[in-house]
Amino acid sequence: MTTNTTESTTGEPTKICCLGAGYVGGPTMAMIAHQCPDIDVHVVDLNPERIAAWNSEELPVYEPGLYDIVKQARGRNLRFTTDVPAAIREANMCFISVNTPTKTFGIGAGRAANLEFVEKCARTIAENSDTDKVVVEKSTLPVRTAESVKRILSSASSTVKFDVLSNPEFLAEGTAIDDLLKPDRILIGGDSSAAIEKLADVYKHWVPDEKIIRTNLWSSELSKLTANAFLAQRVSSINAISALCEATGADVDEVAAAIGTDSRIGPKFLKASVGFGGSCFQKDILNLVYLCEHFGLPEVAQYWEQVVKMNDYQKYRFTTRIVKKMFNTVSSKKIAIWGFAFKKDTNDTRESAAIYVCRDLLEERAKLTIFDPQVSLEQIRKDLEYLIAGPNGELTDAERHLLNDNVTVAKSAEEAAYGAHAIALMTEWDEFKDCDFQSIYKSMMKPAFVFDGRNLLDNQMLADIGFDIESIGKP
């Protein structure tokens, strides 16, 4: 580990300000502060509740190992605050790490990234800077966004110099701390070699220099979108094959294992499931589709759009299988939903397949009892209300009654399954494998169905107990 004090191009010690205290900004800055005790790190956000949570014992982001990292650095060289102007003025390196959701209105609605928050950050940095700064794009952004950021910054002052860099994150939720500690690569794109090296010096406190890739701005911005698109493509590819496996009697896990031994393909991201979720995959692919259309590449756009369509199909196919297997009706039947986060070891529910499956089951008038070890009742209800309300954002009286009457939240997997006709496993939490299935079977209505949307459970063991078990891509 490097022990020298990291200094700015003016000889002053590096001082960092990160705008945005979300799933990327909080953990990334906590790791930088932890590994670089000589660097002051301020994480700022306009949401006082979020900042209060970062300063408490209950962090707003759940990641294994994150609390210990925050606790060690917080109060030493890591601060969380809502005083955005002061943090910017003190810093000589500003990270932009705010949300870039898919637009829901106007030109590019449903595909293009909404850059409203990025632009506001750029203007806020410009308004509160009287010294030179390196501005780092940490948010996932469309190609050539840096050009807009540069224009905003340069037009604000003729005396302050701003160098804009692209430094996209490649974190997987649930393993973010390990990803930050031992990254596959650190990607830094920019026009100024001095600014690039200034940021590289921060990472070199714990990352070998050979893992730090230097590129131009546009290559860096596009690499992030492309990485997520390729990963999502693999998930949709194996999920497409899972449908064929069910039709032919093949086993998708056996197929995945066979093709994964091919060194040209590899075994990663070949786990069939009810579909991918999270804040990145769908948003970034749709952004890529929009960019391809914008630059007159319709065939390329259609190719990548099919990845999202296949993901939607997989979720719909899972729900349809539940209904058909349960004698073509789930009306008034209790279904236990095991897991609501989009993957294990996170409390993030964004684009979780569970939300869409729950919506479709509610439309069939099923009664849902939901359990997730990290997702709160408030978040579950918020997600379901948002999806059911649709574009206008307003629930009808009938929809509100449906949510109130047909959705309950349990405190354990066993409680959720008590008296249920079926279990739908939606998130691959490890604790679900260790449940007392003998006791659960006795407590359920018969026939007792299990729909394993993650291929997590032992099919033979469940069948021996008496369950009617259905898994993705299994005969």
Protein backbone atom coordinates (compact mmCIF):
# COMPACT_ATOMS: atom_id res chain seq x y z
CA MET A 1 0.00 0.00 0.00
CA THR A 2 1.23 3.50 -0.84
CA THR A 3 1.98 5.54 2.28
CA ASN A 4 2.80 8.90 0.72
CA THR A 5 0.33 11.74 1.11
CA THR A 6 -1.74 12.13 -2.05
CA GLU A 7 -1.39 15.67 -3.31
CA SER A 8 -3.22 17.77 -5.86
CA THR A 9 -1.58 19.32 -8.90
CA THR A 10 -1.08 22.51 -6.85
CA GLY A 11 0.83 20.64 -4.13
CA GLU A 12 -2.12 20.68 -1.72
CA PRO A 13 -3.31 17.42 -0.15
CA THR A 14 -6.15 15.79 -2.08
CA LYS A 15 -9.55 16.57 -0.62
CA ILE A 16 -12.56 14.78 -2.04
CA CYS A 17 -16.20 15.75 -2.21
CA CYS A 18 -18.74 13.22 -3.51
CA LEU A 19 -22.14 14.51 -4.58
CA GLY A 20 -24.60 11.69 -3.96
CA ALA A 21 -24.81 9.32 -0.97
CA GLY A 22 -26.49 6.38 -2.67
CA TYR A 23 -25.53 2.80 -3.50
CA VAL A 24 -22.38 3.88 -5.37
CA GLY A 25 -21.26 7.09 -3.68
CA GLY A 26 -21.52 5.91 -0.08
CA PRO A 27 -19.61 2.60 -0.32
CA THR A 28 -17.02 3.91 -2.80
CA MET A 29 -16.15 6.94 -0.71
CA ALA A 30 -16.11 4.85 2.46
CA MET A 31 -13.53 2.54 0.87
CA ILE A 32 -11.40 5.46 -0.35
CA ALA A 33 -11.47 7.01 3.13
CA HIS A 34 -10.66 3.65 4.71
CA GLN A 35 -7.70 2.97 2.43
CA CYS A 36 -6.46 6.58 2.26
CA PRO A 37 -6.37 8.02 5.79
CA ASP A 38 -4.42 11.01 4.42
CA ILE A 39 -7.37 12.07 2.22
CA ASP A 40 -10.36 13.97 3.60
CA VAL A 41 -13.57 12.61 2.07
CA HIS A 42 -16.90 14.42 2.27
CA VAL A 43 -20.06 12.70 1.04
CA VAL A 44 -22.88 15.16 0.49
CA ASP A 45 -26.54 14.74 -0.32
CA LEU A 46 -29.60 16.98 -0.24
CA ASN A 47 -31.64 14.27 1.48
CA PRO A 48 -31.22 14.85 5.26
CA GLU A 49 -32.75 11.47 6.15
CA ARG A 50 -30.21 9.65 4.01
CA ILE A 51 -27.29 11.60 5.51
CA ALA A 52 -28.64 10.96 9.02
CA ALA A 53 -28.74 7.25 8.25
CA TRP A 54 -25.10 7.26 7.07
CA ASN A 55 -24.19 8.89 10.39
CA SER A 56 -26.15 6.29 12.39
CA GLU A 57 -25.84 2.62 13.26
CA GLU A 58 -28.44 1.73 10.58
CA LEU A 59 -26.89 2.57 7.22
CA PRO A 60 -29.27 3.27 4.30
CA VAL A 61 -27.37 0.74 2.15
CA TYR A 62 -26.98 -2.89 3.16
CA GLU A 63 -23.74 -4.50 1.99
CA PRO A 64 -21.82 -7.20 3.86
CA GLY A 65 -18.78 -5.57 5.47
CA LEU A 66 -19.85 -1.98 4.70
CA TYR A 67 -20.71 -0.97 8.26
CA ASP A 68 -17.26 -1.90 9.57
CA ILE A 69 -15.57 0.13 6.81
CA VAL A 70 -17.77 3.17 7.51
CA LYS A 71 -17.35 2.90 11.26
CA GLN A 72 -13.54 2.86 11.05
CA ALA A 73 -13.29 5.93 8.81
CA ARG A 74 -16.29 7.99 9.94
CA GLY A 75 -15.24 10.84 12.19
CA ARG A 76 -11.60 10.43 11.15
CA ASN A 77 -11.44 11.42 7.50
CA LEU A 78 -14.94 10.45 6.31
CA ARG A 79 -17.86 12.82 6.80
CA PHE A 80 -21.47 12.73 5.64
CA THR A 81 -23.22 16.09 5.41
CA THR A 82 -25.94 18.10 3.69
CA ASP A 83 -23.71 21.19 3.47
CA VAL A 84 -23.01 20.82 -0.23
CA PRO A 85 -21.47 24.27 -0.93
CA ALA A 86 -18.96 24.02 1.91
CA ALA A 87 -17.84 20.53 0.91
CA ILE A 88 -17.32 21.63 -2.70
CA ARG A 89 -15.33 24.71 -1.69
CA GLU A 90 -12.99 22.64 0.48
CA ALA A 91 -12.40 19.95 -2.15
CA ASN A 92 -10.05 19.83 -5.11
CA MET A 93 -11.61 16.65 -6.50
CA CYS A 94 -15.40 16.33 -6.88
CA PHE A 95 -17.14 13.06 -7.71
CA ILE A 96 -20.62 13.14 -9.30
CA SER A 97 -22.43 10.03 -8.09
CA VAL A 98 -26.13 10.77 -8.47
CA ASN A 99 -28.95 8.75 -9.95
CA THR A 100 -29.42 8.74 -13.74
CA PRO A 101 -32.81 7.01 -14.12
CA THR A 102 -34.51 6.28 -17.40
CA LYS A 103 -36.61 9.23 -18.58
CA THR A 104 -40.35 8.87 -18.05
CA PHE A 105 -41.29 11.93 -20.09
CA GLY A 106 -40.40 13.89 -23.21
CA ILE A 107 -37.89 12.97 -25.90
CA GLY A 108 -36.41 9.53 -25.33
CA ALA A 109 -38.97 8.59 -22.66
CA GLY A 110 -38.58 4.96 -21.61
CA ARG A 111 -35.03 4.70 -23.00
CA ALA A 112 -32.82 7.77 -22.62
CA ALA A 113 -31.10 8.59 -19.32
CA ASN A 114 -32.46 11.49 -17.31
CA LEU A 115 -29.43 13.71 -16.78
CA GLU A 116 -31.24 16.35 -14.74
CA PHE A 117 -29.36 15.53 -11.52
CA VAL A 118 -25.98 15.37 -13.26
CA GLU A 119 -26.47 18.81 -14.75
CA LYS A 120 -27.57 20.21 -11.38
CA CYS A 121 -24.41 18.79 -9.82
CA ALA A 122 -22.22 20.38 -12.49
CA ARG A 123 -23.87 23.76 -11.97
CA THR A 124 -23.57 23.44 -8.18
CA ILE A 125 -19.86 22.64 -8.48
CA ALA A 126 -19.35 25.61 -10.80
CA GLU A 127 -21.22 28.00 -8.50
CA ASN A 128 -19.20 27.00 -5.43
CA SER A 129 -15.69 26.73 -6.87
CA ASP A 130 -13.02 29.40 -6.60
CA THR A 131 -10.07 27.01 -7.01
CA ASP A 132 -9.14 24.49 -9.71
CA LYS A 133 -10.87 21.12 -9.48
CA VAL A 134 -10.90 17.67 -11.01
CA VAL A 135 -14.51 16.64 -11.62
CA VAL A 136 -15.08 12.88 -11.81
CA GLU A 137 -18.11 11.25 -13.41
CA LYS A 138 -18.94 8.25 -11.22
CA SER A 139 -22.56 7.92 -12.32
CA THR A 140 -23.32 5.72 -15.32
CA LEU A 141 -23.74 8.16 -18.18
CA PRO A 142 -24.39 8.20 -21.92
CA VAL A 143 -21.41 8.64 -24.21
CA ARG A 144 -20.33 12.31 -24.54
CA THR A 145 -22.07 13.46 -21.34
CA ALA A 146 -18.70 14.78 -20.24
CA GLU A 147 -18.90 17.28 -23.09
CA SER A 148 -22.01 18.83 -21.51
CA VAL A 149 -20.44 18.82 -18.06
CA LYS A 150 -17.36 20.56 -19.46
CA ARG A 151 -19.46 23.25 -21.13
CA ILE A 152 -21.37 24.00 -17.93
CA LEU A 153 -18.21 24.17 -15.83
CA SER A 154 -16.15 26.22 -18.29
CA SER A 155 -18.90 28.77 -18.84
CA ALA A 156 -19.17 29.51 -15.13
CA SER A 157 -15.71 31.00 -14.63
CA SER A 158 -12.76 32.12 -16.69
CA THR A 159 -10.32 31.83 -13.81
CA VAL A 160 -11.10 28.36 -12.38
CA LYS A 161 -9.82 25.33 -14.30
CA PHE A 162 -11.93 22.17 -14.35
CA ASP A 163 -10.62 18.82 -15.61
CA VAL A 164 -13.40 16.30 -16.28
CA LEU A 165 -12.73 12.57 -15.92
CA SER A 166 -14.88 9.47 -16.40
CA ASN A 167 -14.39 6.83 -13.69
CA PRO A 168 -17.35 4.43 -13.92
CA GLU A 169 -18.04 1.95 -11.14
CA PHE A 170 -18.13 -1.80 -11.72
CA LEU A 171 -19.67 -2.93 -8.44
CA ALA A 172 -22.01 -5.85 -8.02
CA GLU A 173 -24.49 -5.28 -5.22
CA GLY A 174 -24.06 -7.85 -2.49
CA THR A 175 -20.30 -8.06 -3.12
CA ALA A 176 -19.52 -4.33 -3.39
CA ILE A 177 -16.94 -4.28 -0.59
CA ASP A 178 -14.95 -7.13 -2.11
CA ASP A 179 -15.29 -5.50 -5.53
CA LEU A 180 -13.90 -2.26 -4.12
CA LEU A 181 -11.09 -4.00 -2.26
CA LYS A 182 -10.02 -6.23 -5.15
CA PRO A 183 -11.33 -4.68 -8.37
CA ASP A 184 -10.87 -6.38 -11.73
CA ARG A 185 -9.89 -2.97 -13.10
CA ILE A 186 -10.12 0.74 -12.42
CA LEU A 187 -11.09 2.67 -15.55
CA ILE A 188 -10.17 6.35 -15.86
CA GLY A 189 -10.93 8.30 -19.01
CA GLY A 190 -9.92 11.88 -19.64
CA ASP A 191 -8.09 14.44 -21.76
CA SER A 192 -5.64 15.60 -19.09
CA SER A 193 -2.92 13.10 -18.21
CA ALA A 194 -2.14 15.07 -15.05
CA ALA A 195 -5.76 14.82 -13.86
CA ILE A 196 -5.86 11.11 -14.73
CA GLU A 197 -2.74 10.46 -12.68
CA LYS A 198 -4.09 12.52 -9.78
CA LEU A 199 -7.08 10.17 -9.57
CA ALA A 200 -4.92 7.11 -10.24
CA ASP A 201 -2.75 8.09 -7.26
CA VAL A 202 -5.81 7.81 -5.02
CA TYR A 203 -6.54 4.26 -6.15
CA LYS A 204 -2.87 3.25 -6.04
CA HIS A 205 -3.12 3.35 -2.24
CA TRP A 206 -4.44 -0.22 -2.57
CA VAL A 207 -4.88 -1.11 -6.27
CA PRO A 208 -1.86 -2.23 -8.37
CA ASP A 209 -1.08 0.21 -11.15
CA GLU A 210 -1.40 -2.49 -13.81
CA LYS A 211 -5.11 -2.74 -12.96
CA ILE A 212 -5.67 0.96 -13.64
CA ILE A 213 -6.73 1.45 -17.27
CA ARG A 214 -6.33 4.89 -18.83
CA THR A 215 -8.52 5.75 -21.85
CA ASN A 216 -10.09 8.75 -23.52
CA LEU A 217 -13.33 10.11 -22.08
CA TRP A 218 -15.66 8.56 -24.63
CA SER A 219 -14.20 5.07 -24.40
CA SER A 220 -14.59 5.14 -20.62
CA GLU A 221 -18.21 6.28 -20.75
CA LEU A 222 -19.14 3.67 -23.36
CA SER A 223 -17.27 0.87 -21.58
CA LYS A 224 -19.60 1.03 -18.60
CA LEU A 225 -22.76 0.73 -20.72
CA THR A 226 -21.18 -2.03 -22.77
CA ALA A 227 -20.07 -4.07 -19.74
CA ASN A 228 -23.58 -4.07 -18.28
CA ALA A 229 -25.13 -4.84 -21.67
CA PHE A 230 -22.84 -7.86 -22.17
CA LEU A 231 -23.57 -9.21 -18.69
CA ALA A 232 -27.32 -8.78 -19.10
CA GLN A 233 -27.10 -10.42 -22.51
CA ARG A 234 -25.62 -13.55 -20.91
CA VAL A 235 -28.44 -13.70 -18.36
CA SER A 236 -31.10 -13.34 -21.06
CA SER A 237 -29.31 -15.91 -23.21
CA ILE A 238 -29.35 -18.63 -20.56
CA ASN A 239 -32.93 -17.70 -19.60
CA ALA A 240 -33.97 -18.12 -23.24
CA ILE A 241 -32.39 -21.59 -23.20
CA SER A 242 -34.20 -22.37 -19.92
CA ALA A 243 -37.52 -22.11 -21.76
CA LEU A 244 -36.27 -24.59 -24.35
CA CYS A 245 -35.03 -26.89 -21.57
CA GLU A 246 -38.47 -27.02 -20.00
CA ALA A 247 -40.02 -27.84 -23.37
CA THR A 248 -37.53 -30.59 -24.26
CA GLY A 249 -36.70 -32.19 -20.90
CA ALA A 250 -33.14 -30.87 -20.73
CA ASP A 251 -31.75 -29.45 -17.48
CA VAL A 252 -30.57 -25.84 -17.77
CA ASP A 253 -28.00 -26.23 -14.98
CA GLU A 254 -26.43 -29.16 -16.80
CA VAL A 255 -26.42 -27.20 -20.06
CA ALA A 256 -24.86 -24.19 -18.34
CA ALA A 257 -22.18 -26.36 -16.72
CA ALA A 258 -21.36 -27.97 -20.07
CA ILE A 259 -20.99 -24.73 -22.02
CA GLY A 260 -19.30 -22.98 -19.10
CA THR A 261 -16.32 -25.32 -19.36
CA ASP A 262 -15.60 -23.85 -22.79
CA SER A 263 -12.77 -21.37 -22.15
CA ARG A 264 -14.20 -19.08 -24.83
CA ILE A 265 -17.49 -18.79 -22.92
CA GLY A 266 -16.71 -19.30 -19.23
CA PRO A 267 -19.10 -20.15 -16.38
CA LYS A 268 -20.06 -16.72 -15.03
CA PHE A 269 -23.57 -15.23 -15.44
CA LEU A 270 -24.97 -18.50 -16.75
CA LYS A 271 -27.37 -19.03 -13.84
CA ALA A 272 -30.94 -19.28 -15.06
CA SER A 273 -33.46 -17.31 -13.03
CA VAL A 274 -36.76 -15.50 -13.09
CA GLY A 275 -34.91 -12.53 -14.61
CA PHE A 276 -32.29 -9.90 -13.85
CA GLY A 277 -33.03 -6.75 -11.87
CA GLY A 278 -31.14 -3.94 -10.20
CA SER A 279 -30.60 -0.31 -11.03
CA CYS A 280 -28.16 -0.84 -13.90
CA PHE A 281 -28.85 -3.60 -16.39
CA GLN A 282 -32.19 -2.56 -17.86
CA LYS A 283 -31.50 1.17 -17.55
CA ASP A 284 -28.12 0.92 -19.24
CA ILE A 285 -29.33 -1.32 -22.06
CA LEU A 286 -32.25 1.02 -22.80
CA ASN A 287 -29.79 3.91 -22.77
CA LEU A 288 -27.60 2.01 -25.24
CA VAL A 289 -30.65 1.37 -27.43
CA TYR A 290 -31.49 5.06 -27.42
CA LEU A 291 -27.92 6.04 -28.31
CA CYS A 292 -27.89 3.57 -31.22
CA GLU A 293 -31.16 4.98 -32.52
CA HIS A 294 -29.88 8.53 -32.07
CA PHE A 295 -26.78 7.77 -34.14
CA GLY A 296 -28.79 6.06 -36.89
CA LEU A 297 -28.04 2.44 -36.02
CA PRO A 298 -31.51 0.82 -35.84
CA GLU A 299 -30.28 -2.76 -36.33
CA VAL A 300 -27.87 -2.42 -33.41
CA ALA A 301 -30.64 -0.87 -31.30
CA GLN A 302 -33.01 -3.76 -32.06
CA TYR A 303 -30.33 -6.31 -31.16
CA TRP A 304 -29.80 -4.90 -27.67
CA GLU A 305 -33.48 -4.19 -27.07
CA GLN A 306 -34.17 -7.91 -27.43
CA VAL A 307 -32.12 -8.51 -24.25
CA VAL A 308 -34.68 -6.51 -22.26
CA LYS A 309 -37.63 -8.12 -24.05
CA MET A 310 -36.32 -11.57 -23.14
CA ASN A 311 -36.00 -10.51 -19.51
CA ASP A 312 -39.61 -9.29 -19.47
CA TYR A 313 -40.70 -12.54 -21.12
CA GLN A 314 -38.94 -14.60 -18.44
CA LYS A 315 -40.81 -12.85 -15.63
CA TYR A 316 -44.14 -13.22 -17.44
CA ARG A 317 -43.38 -16.88 -18.17
CA PHE A 318 -42.71 -17.56 -14.48
CA THR A 319 -46.03 -16.05 -13.41
CA THR A 320 -47.89 -17.92 -16.13
CA ARG A 321 -46.33 -21.19 -14.99
CA ILE A 322 -47.53 -20.56 -11.42
CA VAL A 323 -51.10 -19.96 -12.54
CA LYS A 324 -51.21 -22.94 -14.91
CA LYS A 325 -49.70 -25.33 -12.40
CA MET A 326 -52.14 -24.24 -9.71
CA PHE A 327 -55.12 -25.45 -11.76
CA ASN A 328 -55.36 -22.26 -13.86
CA THR A 329 -56.42 -20.04 -10.97
CA VAL A 330 -54.71 -18.40 -8.00
CA SER A 331 -57.68 -16.25 -7.03
CA SER A 332 -57.94 -16.05 -3.22
CA LYS A 333 -55.06 -18.52 -2.86
CA LYS A 334 -52.27 -17.60 -0.47
CA ILE A 335 -48.82 -17.48 -2.07
CA ALA A 336 -45.69 -16.94 0.01
CA ILE A 337 -43.17 -14.68 -1.71
CA TRP A 338 -39.68 -15.49 -0.47
CA GLY A 339 -37.43 -12.53 -1.24
CA PHE A 340 -38.15 -9.09 -2.63
CA ALA A 341 -34.67 -7.61 -3.22
CA PHE A 342 -33.38 -8.07 -6.76
CA LYS A 343 -30.54 -10.31 -5.46
CA LYS A 344 -29.22 -11.61 -2.16
CA ASP A 345 -27.07 -9.58 0.25
CA THR A 346 -28.63 -6.24 -0.66
CA ASN A 347 -31.72 -4.29 0.31
CA ASP A 348 -32.00 -2.81 -3.19
CA THR A 349 -35.33 -3.58 -4.87
CA ARG A 350 -34.92 -1.51 -8.03
CA GLU A 351 -36.27 -3.45 -11.05
CA SER A 352 -36.54 -6.57 -8.90
CA ALA A 353 -38.30 -9.41 -10.69
CA ALA A 354 -40.30 -9.97 -7.49
CA ILE A 355 -42.16 -6.68 -7.94
CA TYR A 356 -43.39 -7.62 -11.40
CA VAL A 357 -44.33 -11.18 -10.44
CA CYS A 358 -46.23 -9.86 -7.40
CA ARG A 359 -48.09 -7.36 -9.59
CA ASP A 360 -49.12 -10.05 -12.05
CA LEU A 361 -50.23 -12.38 -9.27
CA LEU A 362 -52.25 -9.59 -7.68
CA GLU A 363 -53.96 -9.02 -11.01
CA GLU A 364 -54.97 -12.69 -10.76
CA ARG A 365 -56.34 -11.86 -7.27
CA ALA A 366 -53.84 -13.98 -5.36
CA LYS A 367 -53.20 -13.24 -1.70
CA LEU A 368 -49.50 -12.57 -1.14
CA THR A 369 -47.48 -12.86 2.03
CA ILE A 370 -44.00 -11.45 1.47
CA PHE A 371 -40.79 -11.97 3.41
CA ASP A 372 -37.35 -10.52 2.75
CA PRO A 373 -34.66 -10.36 5.45
CA GLN A 374 -33.46 -6.87 4.44
CA VAL A 375 -36.36 -5.11 2.69
CA SER A 376 -38.77 -3.14 4.85
CA LEU A 377 -42.55 -3.21 4.78
CA GLU A 378 -42.52 0.44 3.69
CA GLN A 379 -40.27 -0.30 0.70
CA ILE A 380 -42.33 -3.30 -0.39
CA ARG A 381 -45.56 -1.30 -0.34
CA LYS A 382 -43.92 1.67 -2.05
CA ASP A 383 -42.62 -0.51 -4.90
CA LEU A 384 -45.92 -2.29 -5.45
CA GLU A 385 -47.92 0.93 -5.32
CA TYR A 386 -45.60 2.58 -7.84
CA LEU A 387 -45.80 -0.30 -10.31
CA ILE A 388 -49.54 -0.89 -10.01
CA ALA A 389 -50.36 2.83 -10.26
CA GLY A 390 -48.75 3.02 -13.69
CA PRO A 391 -47.72 6.16 -15.60
CA ASN A 392 -50.23 8.51 -13.96
CA GLY A 393 -48.98 7.65 -10.47
CA GLU A 394 -52.49 7.41 -9.04
CA LEU A 395 -54.02 4.27 -7.53
CA THR A 396 -57.70 3.65 -8.15
CA ASP A 397 -59.86 2.74 -5.18
CA ALA A 398 -60.00 -0.84 -6.44
CA GLU A 399 -56.20 -1.03 -6.72
CA ARG A 400 -55.72 0.40 -3.24
CA HIS A 401 -58.18 -2.10 -1.79
CA LEU A 402 -56.38 -4.90 -3.62
CA LEU A 403 -53.05 -3.91 -2.09
CA ASN A 404 -54.50 -3.47 1.38
CA ASP A 405 -56.50 -6.72 1.32
CA ASN A 406 -54.18 -9.03 -0.61
CA VAL A 407 -50.67 -8.09 0.53
CA THR A 408 -49.17 -8.80 3.94
CA VAL A 409 -45.55 -8.86 5.07
CA ALA A 410 -44.20 -11.67 7.25
CA LYS A 411 -41.30 -11.70 9.71
CA SER A 412 -39.87 -15.01 8.53
CA ALA A 413 -39.98 -17.42 5.63
CA GLU A 414 -41.84 -19.94 7.78
CA GLU A 415 -44.47 -17.39 8.77
CA ALA A 416 -44.99 -16.43 5.14
CA ALA A 417 -45.51 -20.07 4.14
CA TYR A 418 -47.93 -20.93 6.95
CA GLY A 419 -51.27 -21.86 5.41
CA ALA A 420 -50.06 -21.03 1.91
CA HIS A 421 -50.91 -22.93 -1.25
CA ALA A 422 -47.51 -22.16 -2.77
CA ILE A 423 -44.08 -20.66 -2.20
CA ALA A 424 -42.51 -18.50 -4.91
CA LEU A 425 -38.79 -18.09 -4.23
CA MET A 426 -37.72 -14.81 -5.82
CA THR A 427 -34.37 -13.93 -4.19
CA GLU A 428 -31.51 -16.37 -3.59
CA TRP A 429 -30.99 -15.59 0.12
CA ASP A 430 -28.83 -18.34 1.63
CA GLU A 431 -31.12 -18.70 4.64
CA PHE A 432 -33.88 -20.09 2.44
CA LYS A 433 -31.81 -23.23 1.85
CA ASP A 434 -31.73 -23.92 5.59
CA CYS A 435 -35.47 -23.72 6.27
CA ASP A 436 -37.23 -26.60 8.02
CA PHE A 437 -39.11 -27.83 4.96
CA GLN A 438 -40.67 -30.77 6.79
CA SER A 439 -42.38 -28.37 9.17
CA ILE A 440 -43.23 -25.92 6.38
CA TYR A 441 -44.85 -28.69 4.33
CA LYS A 442 -47.07 -29.69 7.24
CA SER A 443 -48.20 -26.08 7.68
CA MET A 444 -49.21 -25.55 4.04
CA MET A 445 -52.33 -26.33 2.05
CA LYS A 446 -52.13 -29.43 -0.12
CA PRO A 447 -50.95 -29.92 -2.77
CA ALA A 448 -48.08 -27.72 -1.60
CA PHE A 449 -46.27 -26.03 -4.49
CA VAL A 450 -42.78 -24.54 -4.59
CA PHE A 451 -41.81 -22.36 -7.54
CA ASP A 452 -38.06 -21.85 -7.34
CA GLY A 453 -37.25 -18.75 -9.39
CA ARG A 454 -33.53 -18.98 -8.58
CA ASN A 455 -32.86 -22.74 -8.75
CA LEU A 456 -31.65 -22.46 -5.16
CA LEU A 457 -33.33 -25.43 -3.51
CA ASP A 458 -32.78 -29.19 -3.57
CA ASN A 459 -35.54 -30.44 -5.87
CA GLN A 460 -35.21 -34.10 -4.90
CA MET A 461 -35.32 -33.34 -1.18
CA LEU A 462 -38.45 -31.24 -1.60
CA ALA A 463 -40.11 -33.86 -3.80
CA ASP A 464 -39.35 -36.57 -1.24
CA ILE A 465 -41.07 -34.48 1.44
CA GLY A 466 -44.13 -34.17 -0.76
CA PHE A 467 -43.82 -30.78 -2.40
CA ASP A 468 -44.80 -30.23 -6.01
CA ILE A 469 -41.61 -28.46 -7.10
CA GLU A 470 -41.14 -26.34 -10.23
CA SER A 471 -37.77 -24.78 -11.11
CA ILE A 472 -36.46 -22.64 -13.94
CA GLY A 473 -35.27 -24.71 -16.89
CA LYS A 474 -35.89 -28.05 -15.20
CA PRO A 475 -37.84 -30.95 -16.74
